[in-house]
Amino acid sequence: MLLLHINRYHRGIKTCVIGPLARLFTCTPTMAKSKFEYVRNFEVDDTCLRNCYIVVRLDGRNFHKFAEQHKFTKPNDNRALGLMARSARSVMEELDDIIIAYGQSDEFSFVFKRTSTWFKRRASKFMTHVASQFSSSYVFYWKDFFRAQPLIYPPGFDGRVVLYPSNRNLKDYLSWRQADCHINNLYNTVFWTLVQKSGLTTIQAEDRLKGTLAADKNEILFSEFDINYNNEPAIHRKGTTLIWEKRDEAVTKQISLANDEKKEVLVTRSRKSVQSYHCDIIGEQFWLQHPDVLEDDDC
């Protein structure tokens, strides 16, 4: 029988004698020193500058092919958009230093608060944790949105980290992403309407839209197809914004009475959770309605 023997002293050095099996389950409290440890000096310091918002943006890798292979509805697949938002919520619930996230199409941006000390503010840690949590959630929740349609192969997402020192800078970044959502969605809406309803080929539709401005695209939709772009679903035009909010919820609680009987009562409690919005974040109204999302600029 293999046993862990008692400590003993040998030449003033405290030692411990263990059997072969016990050695499999023991480890040293600190990393062993060796002549190879010098390789750690090749690591690059990627600590993020203090007092800056840390933004991690993920983009789907080769998602055009992924959408084709999985037969996404064009120009917008609500299942895919719902899955992206659910995966983003999973990231926020896992990394609660994220104060706001914004996504559209196959991308999502996550904003960590300026005072965050997670991962010792190492950019590589922020990026890899967000990317891995998002990707695994995308696979995990696939069936909740696509039901019987199988996931043919796992998706990939690349990431980047950008720092923004002020509220104005961060708002402008989020405005840029939402403006990008509007530009891309307007084009895709007109493009696929021409293909699906006018019978144009993709090449013909592309030629038709060359050199057109936003007003021209709106006119094509309205005059030729009786479509008012402003009436298109807000999630398609505005994207998805996720923030933390406190909401009251009713729960059933069991209490004990004086006669040892049990009674169920309905109680209301306040709980912080991730809430979803499909609205304009370029103007000031959203920020005035949610003043606690961003930190003060003098932090």
C-alpha atoms as a PDB file:
ATOM      1  CA  MET A   1       0.000   0.000   0.000  1.00  0.00           C
ATOM      2  CA  LEU A   2       1.378   3.427  -0.923  1.00  0.00           C
ATOM      3  CA  LEU A   3       1.453   5.916   1.921  1.00  0.00           C
ATOM      4  CA  LEU A   4       2.555   9.488   2.474  1.00  0.00           C
ATOM      5  CA  HIS A   5       5.235   9.218   5.142  1.00  0.00           C
ATOM      6  CA  ILE A   6       5.903  11.748   7.884  1.00  0.00           C
ATOM      7  CA  ASN A   7       8.219  14.708   7.409  1.00  0.00           C
ATOM      8  CA  ARG A   8      11.828  14.201   8.466  1.00  0.00           C
ATOM      9  CA  TYR A   9      14.937  16.322   8.700  1.00  0.00           C
ATOM     10  CA  HIS A  10      18.053  15.459   6.774  1.00  0.00           C
ATOM     11  CA  ARG A  11      21.131  17.699   7.122  1.00  0.00           C
ATOM     12  CA  GLY A  12      18.924  20.547   8.301  1.00  0.00           C
ATOM     13  CA  ILE A  13      16.602  20.333   5.288  1.00  0.00           C
ATOM     14  CA  LYS A  14      12.984  19.375   5.768  1.00  0.00           C
ATOM     15  CA  THR A  15      12.003  16.573   3.415  1.00  0.00           C
ATOM     16  CA  CYS A  16       8.938  14.537   2.662  1.00  0.00           C
ATOM     17  CA  VAL A  17       8.964  10.940   1.521  1.00  0.00           C
ATOM     18  CA  ILE A  18       6.061   9.854  -0.656  1.00  0.00           C
ATOM     19  CA  GLY A  19       5.147   6.737  -2.522  1.00  0.00           C
ATOM     20  CA  PRO A  20       4.961   6.596  -6.356  1.00  0.00           C
ATOM     21  CA  LEU A  21       1.161   6.950  -6.535  1.00  0.00           C
ATOM     22  CA  ALA A  22       1.132   9.891  -4.125  1.00  0.00           C
ATOM     23  CA  ARG A  23       3.533  11.755  -6.403  1.00  0.00           C
ATOM     24  CA  LEU A  24       0.861  11.783  -9.087  1.00  0.00           C
ATOM     25  CA  PHE A  25      -1.330  13.981  -6.920  1.00  0.00           C
ATOM     26  CA  THR A  26       1.199  16.441  -5.528  1.00  0.00           C
ATOM     27  CA  CYS A  27       2.520  19.650  -6.968  1.00  0.00           C
ATOM     28  CA  THR A  28       4.930  22.335  -5.920  1.00  0.00           C
ATOM     29  CA  PRO A  29       3.381  25.598  -4.624  1.00  0.00           C
ATOM     30  CA  THR A  30       5.436  27.667  -7.052  1.00  0.00           C
ATOM     31  CA  MET A  31       6.658  27.124 -10.594  1.00  0.00           C
ATOM     32  CA  ALA A  32       9.793  25.021 -10.678  1.00  0.00           C
ATOM     33  CA  LYS A  33      12.970  26.894 -11.469  1.00  0.00           C
ATOM     34  CA  SER A  34      14.944  25.682 -14.450  1.00  0.00           C
ATOM     35  CA  LYS A  35      17.468  26.890 -16.965  1.00  0.00           C
ATOM     36  CA  PHE A  36      14.613  27.203 -19.481  1.00  0.00           C
ATOM     37  CA  GLU A  37      12.742  29.841 -17.513  1.00  0.00           C
ATOM     38  CA  TYR A  38      14.490  32.635 -19.419  1.00  0.00           C
ATOM     39  CA  VAL A  39      11.983  32.136 -22.271  1.00  0.00           C
ATOM     40  CA  ARG A  40       9.435  34.094 -20.215  1.00  0.00           C
ATOM     41  CA  ASN A  41      11.438  37.217 -21.056  1.00  0.00           C
ATOM     42  CA  PHE A  42      10.142  36.964 -24.612  1.00  0.00           C
ATOM     43  CA  GLU A  43       6.587  37.745 -23.461  1.00  0.00           C
ATOM     44  CA  VAL A  44       5.427  41.225 -24.425  1.00  0.00           C
ATOM     45  CA  ASP A  45       3.846  43.479 -21.827  1.00  0.00           C
ATOM     46  CA  ASP A  46       0.329  44.185 -23.105  1.00  0.00           C
ATOM     47  CA  THR A  47      -1.115  45.894 -20.040  1.00  0.00           C
ATOM     48  CA  CYS A  48      -3.887  48.301 -21.061  1.00  0.00           C
ATOM     49  CA  LEU A  49      -3.463  51.966 -20.167  1.00  0.00           C
ATOM     50  CA  ARG A  50      -5.274  52.919 -16.982  1.00  0.00           C
ATOM     51  CA  ASN A  51      -8.455  55.053 -16.924  1.00  0.00           C
ATOM     52  CA  CYS A  52      -9.431  53.975 -20.434  1.00  0.00           C
ATOM     53  CA  TYR A  53     -12.452  52.018 -21.561  1.00  0.00           C
ATOM     54  CA  ILE A  54     -11.323  48.660 -22.910  1.00  0.00           C
ATOM     55  CA  VAL A  55     -13.270  47.677 -26.026  1.00  0.00           C
ATOM     56  CA  VAL A  56     -13.082  44.147 -27.386  1.00  0.00           C
ATOM     57  CA  ARG A  57     -14.648  43.782 -30.831  1.00  0.00           C
ATOM     58  CA  LEU A  58     -15.349  40.370 -32.313  1.00  0.00           C
ATOM     59  CA  ASP A  59     -15.999  39.743 -36.000  1.00  0.00           C
ATOM     60  CA  GLY A  60     -17.151  36.523 -37.589  1.00  0.00           C
ATOM     61  CA  ARG A  61     -14.355  34.898 -39.565  1.00  0.00           C
ATOM     62  CA  ASN A  62     -15.392  34.110 -43.142  1.00  0.00           C
ATOM     63  CA  PHE A  63     -19.038  34.460 -42.124  1.00  0.00           C
ATOM     64  CA  HIS A  64     -20.202  34.953 -45.701  1.00  0.00           C
ATOM     65  CA  LYS A  65     -19.378  31.316 -46.356  1.00  0.00           C
ATOM     66  CA  PHE A  66     -20.757  30.281 -42.952  1.00  0.00           C
ATOM     67  CA  ALA A  67     -24.098  31.995 -43.714  1.00  0.00           C
ATOM     68  CA  GLU A  68     -24.290  30.343 -47.127  1.00  0.00           C
ATOM     69  CA  GLN A  69     -23.507  26.894 -45.764  1.00  0.00           C
ATOM     70  CA  HIS A  70     -26.143  27.239 -43.038  1.00  0.00           C
ATOM     71  CA  LYS A  71     -28.741  28.805 -45.353  1.00  0.00           C
ATOM     72  CA  PHE A  72     -29.231  32.068 -43.486  1.00  0.00           C
ATOM     73  CA  THR A  73     -32.254  34.076 -44.613  1.00  0.00           C
ATOM     74  CA  LYS A  74     -31.310  37.165 -46.638  1.00  0.00           C
ATOM     75  CA  PRO A  75     -30.957  40.031 -46.063  1.00  0.00           C
ATOM     76  CA  ASN A  76     -31.411  39.368 -42.317  1.00  0.00           C
ATOM     77  CA  ASP A  77     -31.817  36.117 -40.432  1.00  0.00           C
ATOM     78  CA  ASN A  78     -33.520  36.761 -37.100  1.00  0.00           C
ATOM     79  CA  ARG A  79     -32.364  33.396 -35.794  1.00  0.00           C
ATOM     80  CA  ALA A  80     -28.736  34.315 -36.398  1.00  0.00           C
ATOM     81  CA  LEU A  81     -29.167  37.788 -34.901  1.00  0.00           C
ATOM     82  CA  GLY A  82     -30.878  36.294 -31.852  1.00  0.00           C
ATOM     83  CA  LEU A  83     -28.060  33.785 -31.418  1.00  0.00           C
ATOM     84  CA  MET A  84     -25.437  36.546 -31.620  1.00  0.00           C
ATOM     85  CA  ALA A  85     -27.264  38.547 -28.948  1.00  0.00           C
ATOM     86  CA  ARG A  86     -27.668  35.482 -26.715  1.00  0.00           C
ATOM     87  CA  SER A  87     -23.969  34.697 -27.011  1.00  0.00           C
ATOM     88  CA  ALA A  88     -23.117  38.317 -26.169  1.00  0.00           C
ATOM     89  CA  ARG A  89     -25.364  38.174 -23.100  1.00  0.00           C
ATOM     90  CA  SER A  90     -23.509  35.064 -21.986  1.00  0.00           C
ATOM     91  CA  VAL A  91     -20.239  36.992 -22.222  1.00  0.00           C
ATOM     92  CA  MET A  92     -21.628  39.867 -20.146  1.00  0.00           C
ATOM     93  CA  GLU A  93     -22.989  37.523 -17.488  1.00  0.00           C
ATOM     94  CA  GLU A  94     -19.595  35.813 -17.246  1.00  0.00           C
ATOM     95  CA  LEU A  95     -17.545  39.038 -17.298  1.00  0.00           C
ATOM     96  CA  ASP A  96     -19.663  41.531 -15.390  1.00  0.00           C
ATOM     97  CA  ASP A  97     -17.133  44.366 -15.724  1.00  0.00           C
ATOM     98  CA  ILE A  98     -18.627  44.821 -19.200  1.00  0.00           C
ATOM     99  CA  ILE A  99     -20.921  47.847 -18.967  1.00  0.00           C
ATOM    100  CA  ILE A 100     -22.359  47.864 -22.488  1.00  0.00           C
ATOM    101  CA  ALA A 101     -22.184  45.758 -25.643  1.00  0.00           C
ATOM    102  CA  TYR A 102     -23.288  46.577 -29.171  1.00  0.00           C
ATOM    103  CA  GLY A 103     -23.715  44.188 -32.071  1.00  0.00           C
ATOM    104  CA  GLN A 104     -24.931  43.984 -35.645  1.00  0.00           C
ATOM    105  CA  SER A 105     -24.604  41.408 -38.393  1.00  0.00           C
ATOM    106  CA  ASP A 106     -21.667  39.129 -37.455  1.00  0.00           C
ATOM    107  CA  GLU A 107     -19.895  41.493 -35.040  1.00  0.00           C
ATOM    108  CA  PHE A 108     -20.184  42.461 -31.380  1.00  0.00           C
ATOM    109  CA  SER A 109     -18.299  45.043 -29.321  1.00  0.00           C
ATOM    110  CA  PHE A 110     -17.857  44.702 -25.546  1.00  0.00           C
ATOM    111  CA  VAL A 111     -16.946  47.683 -23.373  1.00  0.00           C
ATOM    112  CA  PHE A 112     -15.169  47.075 -20.060  1.00  0.00           C
ATOM    113  CA  LYS A 113     -15.390  49.847 -17.489  1.00  0.00           C
ATOM    114  CA  ARG A 114     -12.404  52.148 -17.158  1.00  0.00           C
ATOM    115  CA  THR A 115     -11.653  51.056 -13.603  1.00  0.00           C
ATOM    116  CA  SER A 116     -11.643  47.344 -14.436  1.00  0.00           C
ATOM    117  CA  THR A 117      -8.731  45.365 -13.005  1.00  0.00           C
ATOM    118  CA  TRP A 118      -9.757  42.043 -14.528  1.00  0.00           C
ATOM    119  CA  PHE A 119      -6.862  39.945 -15.885  1.00  0.00           C
ATOM    120  CA  LYS A 120      -4.471  42.641 -14.570  1.00  0.00           C
ATOM    121  CA  ARG A 121      -5.687  44.671 -17.558  1.00  0.00           C
ATOM    122  CA  ARG A 122      -3.799  42.461 -20.027  1.00  0.00           C
ATOM    123  CA  ALA A 123      -5.178  43.002 -23.533  1.00  0.00           C
ATOM    124  CA  SER A 124      -4.544  39.425 -24.629  1.00  0.00           C
ATOM    125  CA  LYS A 125      -6.511  38.083 -21.666  1.00  0.00           C
ATOM    126  CA  PHE A 126      -9.473  40.369 -22.365  1.00  0.00           C
ATOM    127  CA  MET A 127      -9.563  39.385 -26.025  1.00  0.00           C
ATOM    128  CA  THR A 128      -9.131  35.641 -25.577  1.00  0.00           C
ATOM    129  CA  HIS A 129     -11.643  35.358 -22.737  1.00  0.00           C
ATOM    130  CA  VAL A 130     -14.298  37.275 -24.682  1.00  0.00           C
ATOM    131  CA  ALA A 131     -13.642  35.365 -27.910  1.00  0.00           C
ATOM    132  CA  SER A 132     -13.682  31.943 -26.270  1.00  0.00           C
ATOM    133  CA  GLN A 133     -16.801  32.621 -24.190  1.00  0.00           C
ATOM    134  CA  PHE A 134     -18.641  34.049 -27.207  1.00  0.00           C
ATOM    135  CA  SER A 135     -17.652  31.229 -29.562  1.00  0.00           C
ATOM    136  CA  SER A 136     -18.534  28.454 -27.122  1.00  0.00           C
ATOM    137  CA  SER A 137     -21.865  30.136 -26.342  1.00  0.00           C
ATOM    138  CA  TYR A 138     -22.641  30.406 -30.063  1.00  0.00           C
ATOM    139  CA  VAL A 139     -22.240  26.649 -30.416  1.00  0.00           C
ATOM    140  CA  PHE A 140     -23.981  25.891 -27.097  1.00  0.00           C
ATOM    141  CA  TYR A 141     -27.128  27.930 -27.883  1.00  0.00           C
ATOM    142  CA  TRP A 142     -27.322  27.061 -31.594  1.00  0.00           C
ATOM    143  CA  LYS A 143     -30.213  24.624 -31.172  1.00  0.00           C
ATOM    144  CA  ASP A 144     -32.248  27.184 -29.213  1.00  0.00           C
ATOM    145  CA  PHE A 145     -32.479  29.315 -32.358  1.00  0.00           C
ATOM    146  CA  PHE A 146     -31.986  26.969 -35.305  1.00  0.00           C
ATOM    147  CA  ARG A 147     -33.894  23.992 -33.847  1.00  0.00           C
ATOM    148  CA  ALA A 148     -33.464  20.943 -36.078  1.00  0.00           C
ATOM    149  CA  GLN A 149     -31.051  22.629 -38.474  1.00  0.00           C
ATOM    150  CA  PRO A 150     -27.624  21.145 -37.682  1.00  0.00           C
ATOM    151  CA  LEU A 151     -24.469  23.118 -37.106  1.00  0.00           C
ATOM    152  CA  ILE A 152     -22.306  21.838 -39.954  1.00  0.00           C
ATOM    153  CA  TYR A 153     -19.021  23.185 -38.581  1.00  0.00           C
ATOM    154  CA  PRO A 154     -18.034  25.493 -35.718  1.00  0.00           C
ATOM    155  CA  PRO A 155     -17.817  29.238 -36.363  1.00  0.00           C
ATOM    156  CA  GLY A 156     -14.721  31.331 -35.808  1.00  0.00           C
ATOM    157  CA  PHE A 157     -14.396  34.885 -34.480  1.00  0.00           C
ATOM    158  CA  ASP A 158     -11.372  37.156 -34.570  1.00  0.00           C
ATOM    159  CA  GLY A 159     -10.929  39.926 -32.038  1.00  0.00           C
ATOM    160  CA  ARG A 160      -9.148  43.177 -31.370  1.00  0.00           C
ATOM    161  CA  VAL A 161      -8.689  45.444 -28.359  1.00  0.00           C
ATOM    162  CA  VAL A 162      -8.966  49.232 -28.561  1.00  0.00           C
ATOM    163  CA  LEU A 163      -8.744  51.770 -25.707  1.00  0.00           C
ATOM    164  CA  TYR A 164     -10.886  54.907 -25.463  1.00  0.00           C
ATOM    165  CA  PRO A 165      -9.998  57.506 -22.804  1.00  0.00           C
ATOM    166  CA  SER A 166     -13.203  59.557 -22.696  1.00  0.00           C
ATOM    167  CA  ASN A 167     -16.952  59.171 -22.844  1.00  0.00           C
ATOM    168  CA  ARG A 168     -17.011  61.199 -26.051  1.00  0.00           C
ATOM    169  CA  ASN A 169     -14.509  58.875 -27.697  1.00  0.00           C
ATOM    170  CA  LEU A 170     -16.481  55.807 -26.629  1.00  0.00           C
ATOM    171  CA  LYS A 171     -19.812  57.249 -27.795  1.00  0.00           C
ATOM    172  CA  ASP A 172     -18.250  58.112 -31.153  1.00  0.00           C
ATOM    173  CA  TYR A 173     -16.960  54.550 -31.471  1.00  0.00           C
ATOM    174  CA  LEU A 174     -20.418  53.086 -30.786  1.00  0.00           C
ATOM    175  CA  SER A 175     -21.957  55.652 -33.143  1.00  0.00           C
ATOM    176  CA  TRP A 176     -19.524  54.548 -35.853  1.00  0.00           C
ATOM    177  CA  ARG A 177     -20.587  50.933 -35.453  1.00  0.00           C
ATOM    178  CA  GLN A 178     -24.285  51.825 -35.563  1.00  0.00           C
ATOM    179  CA  ALA A 179     -23.789  54.041 -38.620  1.00  0.00           C
ATOM    180  CA  ASP A 180     -22.054  51.074 -40.236  1.00  0.00           C
ATOM    181  CA  CYS A 181     -25.087  48.948 -39.380  1.00  0.00           C
ATOM    182  CA  HIS A 182     -27.419  51.419 -41.116  1.00  0.00           C
ATOM    183  CA  ILE A 183     -25.252  51.721 -44.246  1.00  0.00           C
ATOM    184  CA  ASN A 184     -24.820  47.964 -44.663  1.00  0.00           C
ATOM    185  CA  ASN A 185     -28.419  47.077 -43.874  1.00  0.00           C
ATOM    186  CA  LEU A 186     -29.865  49.668 -46.271  1.00  0.00           C
ATOM    187  CA  TYR A 187     -27.677  48.359 -49.070  1.00  0.00           C
ATOM    188  CA  ASN A 188     -28.465  44.712 -48.311  1.00  0.00           C
ATOM    189  CA  THR A 189     -32.190  45.410 -48.037  1.00  0.00           C
ATOM    190  CA  VAL A 190     -32.311  47.038 -51.483  1.00  0.00           C
ATOM    191  CA  PHE A 191     -29.903  44.520 -53.008  1.00  0.00           C
ATOM    192  CA  TRP A 192     -31.839  41.432 -51.941  1.00  0.00           C
ATOM    193  CA  THR A 193     -35.190  43.039 -52.695  1.00  0.00           C
ATOM    194  CA  LEU A 194     -34.011  43.565 -56.285  1.00  0.00           C
ATOM    195  CA  VAL A 195     -32.858  39.950 -56.460  1.00  0.00           C
ATOM    196  CA  GLN A 196     -35.845  38.336 -54.750  1.00  0.00           C
ATOM    197  CA  LYS A 197     -38.659  40.503 -56.093  1.00  0.00           C
ATOM    198  CA  SER A 198     -37.392  41.803 -59.434  1.00  0.00           C
ATOM    199  CA  GLY A 199     -35.607  38.673 -60.528  1.00  0.00           C
ATOM    200  CA  LEU A 200     -32.264  40.395 -61.026  1.00  0.00           C
ATOM    201  CA  THR A 201     -29.104  38.390 -60.713  1.00  0.00           C
ATOM    202  CA  THR A 202     -26.687  39.382 -57.977  1.00  0.00           C
ATOM    203  CA  ILE A 203     -24.391  40.942 -60.575  1.00  0.00           C
ATOM    204  CA  GLN A 204     -27.263  42.927 -62.099  1.00  0.00           C
ATOM    205  CA  ALA A 205     -28.393  44.139 -58.678  1.00  0.00           C
ATOM    206  CA  GLU A 206     -24.860  45.202 -57.842  1.00  0.00           C
ATOM    207  CA  ASP A 207     -24.605  47.161 -61.099  1.00  0.00           C
ATOM    208  CA  ARG A 208     -27.965  48.804 -60.419  1.00  0.00           C
ATOM    209  CA  LEU A 209     -26.779  50.091 -57.044  1.00  0.00           C
ATOM    210  CA  LYS A 210     -23.375  51.355 -58.150  1.00  0.00           C
ATOM    211  CA  GLY A 211     -22.973  55.047 -57.331  1.00  0.00           C
ATOM    212  CA  THR A 212     -26.321  55.322 -55.513  1.00  0.00           C
ATOM    213  CA  LEU A 213     -26.701  57.330 -52.315  1.00  0.00           C
ATOM    214  CA  ALA A 214     -28.900  56.554 -49.326  1.00  0.00           C
ATOM    215  CA  ALA A 215     -31.711  58.683 -50.778  1.00  0.00           C
ATOM    216  CA  ASP A 216     -31.539  56.757 -54.059  1.00  0.00           C
ATOM    217  CA  LYS A 217     -31.795  53.424 -52.276  1.00  0.00           C
ATOM    218  CA  ASN A 218     -34.758  54.611 -50.218  1.00  0.00           C
ATOM    219  CA  GLU A 219     -36.452  55.792 -53.413  1.00  0.00           C
ATOM    220  CA  ILE A 220     -35.959  52.390 -55.102  1.00  0.00           C
ATOM    221  CA  LEU A 221     -37.528  50.615 -52.132  1.00  0.00           C
ATOM    222  CA  PHE A 222     -40.479  52.997 -51.896  1.00  0.00           C
ATOM    223  CA  SER A 223     -41.288  53.679 -55.562  1.00  0.00           C
ATOM    224  CA  GLU A 224     -40.677  50.194 -56.918  1.00  0.00           C
ATOM    225  CA  PHE A 225     -41.624  47.953 -54.007  1.00  0.00           C
ATOM    226  CA  ASP A 226     -43.761  50.145 -51.719  1.00  0.00           C
ATOM    227  CA  ILE A 227     -41.321  49.582 -48.872  1.00  0.00           C
ATOM    228  CA  ASN A 228     -40.657  52.330 -46.348  1.00  0.00           C
ATOM    229  CA  TYR A 229     -37.212  51.571 -44.977  1.00  0.00           C
ATOM    230  CA  ASN A 230     -38.034  53.324 -41.704  1.00  0.00           C
ATOM    231  CA  ASN A 231     -40.681  50.670 -41.084  1.00  0.00           C
ATOM    232  CA  GLU A 232     -38.178  47.833 -41.313  1.00  0.00           C
ATOM    233  CA  PRO A 233     -37.533  46.042 -37.968  1.00  0.00           C
ATOM    234  CA  ALA A 234     -35.433  48.167 -35.619  1.00  0.00           C
ATOM    235  CA  ILE A 235     -33.106  45.261 -34.870  1.00  0.00           C
ATOM    236  CA  HIS A 236     -32.089  45.278 -38.552  1.00  0.00           C
ATOM    237  CA  ARG A 237     -31.678  49.054 -38.808  1.00  0.00           C
ATOM    238  CA  LYS A 238     -30.247  49.817 -35.347  1.00  0.00           C
ATOM    239  CA  GLY A 239     -28.535  46.637 -34.213  1.00  0.00           C
ATOM    240  CA  THR A 240     -28.606  45.354 -30.630  1.00  0.00           C
ATOM    241  CA  THR A 241     -27.454  47.212 -27.524  1.00  0.00           C
ATOM    242  CA  LEU A 242     -27.037  45.313 -24.249  1.00  0.00           C
ATOM    243  CA  ILE A 243     -26.742  47.006 -20.855  1.00  0.00           C
ATOM    244  CA  TRP A 244     -27.144  46.093 -17.198  1.00  0.00           C
ATOM    245  CA  GLU A 245     -30.370  47.236 -15.563  1.00  0.00           C
ATOM    246  CA  LYS A 246     -32.189  46.614 -12.319  1.00  0.00           C
ATOM    247  CA  ARG A 247     -35.677  45.240 -12.811  1.00  0.00           C
ATOM    248  CA  ASP A 248     -38.341  44.290 -10.276  1.00  0.00           C
ATOM    249  CA  GLU A 249     -39.467  40.683 -10.483  1.00  0.00           C
ATOM    250  CA  ALA A 250     -42.136  38.749  -8.602  1.00  0.00           C
ATOM    251  CA  VAL A 251     -41.029  35.471  -7.003  1.00  0.00           C
ATOM    252  CA  THR A 252     -42.767  32.938  -4.810  1.00  0.00           C
ATOM    253  CA  LYS A 253     -41.275  32.482  -1.346  1.00  0.00           C
ATOM    254  CA  GLN A 254     -42.187  29.874   1.239  1.00  0.00           C
ATOM    255  CA  ILE A 255     -42.521  31.067   4.839  1.00  0.00           C
ATOM    256  CA  SER A 256     -43.123  29.217   8.099  1.00  0.00           C
ATOM    257  CA  LEU A 257     -46.150  30.085  10.197  1.00  0.00           C
ATOM    258  CA  ALA A 258     -46.488  29.892  13.991  1.00  0.00           C
ATOM    259  CA  ASN A 259     -48.269  26.508  13.799  1.00  0.00           C
ATOM    260  CA  ASP A 260     -45.387  25.009  11.785  1.00  0.00           C
ATOM    261  CA  GLU A 261     -47.401  25.233   8.613  1.00  0.00           C
ATOM    262  CA  LYS A 262     -45.858  26.441   5.369  1.00  0.00           C
ATOM    263  CA  LYS A 263     -47.279  29.233   3.265  1.00  0.00           C
ATOM    264  CA  GLU A 264     -46.265  30.530  -0.141  1.00  0.00           C
ATOM    265  CA  VAL A 265     -46.276  34.292  -0.617  1.00  0.00           C
ATOM    266  CA  LEU A 266     -45.496  36.466  -3.615  1.00  0.00           C
ATOM    267  CA  VAL A 267     -42.652  38.914  -3.027  1.00  0.00           C
ATOM    268  CA  THR A 268     -41.050  41.518  -5.261  1.00  0.00           C
ATOM    269  CA  ARG A 269     -37.302  41.880  -5.455  1.00  0.00           C
ATOM    270  CA  SER A 270     -34.943  44.004  -7.513  1.00  0.00           C
ATOM    271  CA  ARG A 271     -32.453  42.100  -9.652  1.00  0.00           C
ATOM    272  CA  LYS A 272     -29.688  43.258 -11.964  1.00  0.00           C
ATOM    273  CA  SER A 273     -29.780  41.632 -15.381  1.00  0.00           C
ATOM    274  CA  VAL A 274     -28.748  42.209 -18.996  1.00  0.00           C
ATOM    275  CA  GLN A 275     -31.406  44.011 -21.026  1.00  0.00           C
ATOM    276  CA  SER A 276     -31.601  44.361 -24.794  1.00  0.00           C
ATOM    277  CA  TYR A 277     -32.433  47.483 -26.830  1.00  0.00           C
ATOM    278  CA  HIS A 278     -32.837  48.092 -30.562  1.00  0.00           C
ATOM    279  CA  CYS A 279     -32.721  51.862 -30.661  1.00  0.00           C
ATOM    280  CA  ASP A 280     -30.659  54.855 -31.714  1.00  0.00           C
ATOM    281  CA  ILE A 281     -27.472  55.313 -29.668  1.00  0.00           C
ATOM    282  CA  ILE A 282     -25.948  58.026 -31.864  1.00  0.00           C
ATOM    283  CA  GLY A 283     -28.128  60.771 -30.401  1.00  0.00           C
ATOM    284  CA  GLU A 284     -28.222  61.760 -26.731  1.00  0.00           C
ATOM    285  CA  GLN A 285     -31.647  60.371 -25.815  1.00  0.00           C
ATOM    286  CA  PHE A 286     -30.427  56.860 -25.051  1.00  0.00           C
ATOM    287  CA  TRP A 287     -27.635  58.144 -22.820  1.00  0.00           C
ATOM    288  CA  LEU A 288     -29.945  60.550 -20.996  1.00  0.00           C
ATOM    289  CA  GLN A 289     -32.360  57.690 -20.315  1.00  0.00           C
ATOM    290  CA  HIS A 290     -29.518  55.474 -19.058  1.00  0.00           C
ATOM    291  CA  PRO A 291     -27.101  57.853 -17.297  1.00  0.00           C
ATOM    292  CA  ASP A 292     -25.487  55.119 -15.186  1.00  0.00           C
ATOM    293  CA  VAL A 293     -24.056  53.171 -18.129  1.00  0.00           C
ATOM    294  CA  LEU A 294     -20.906  55.278 -18.492  1.00  0.00           C
ATOM    295  CA  GLU A 295     -18.517  56.391 -15.763  1.00  0.00           C
ATOM    296  CA  ASP A 296     -17.780  60.032 -15.015  1.00  0.00           C
ATOM    297  CA  ASP A 297     -15.028  61.498 -17.170  1.00  0.00           C
ATOM    298  CA  ASP A 298     -13.080  62.610 -14.087  1.00  0.00           C
ATOM    299  CA  CYS A 299     -12.712  59.099 -12.714  1.00  0.00           C
END
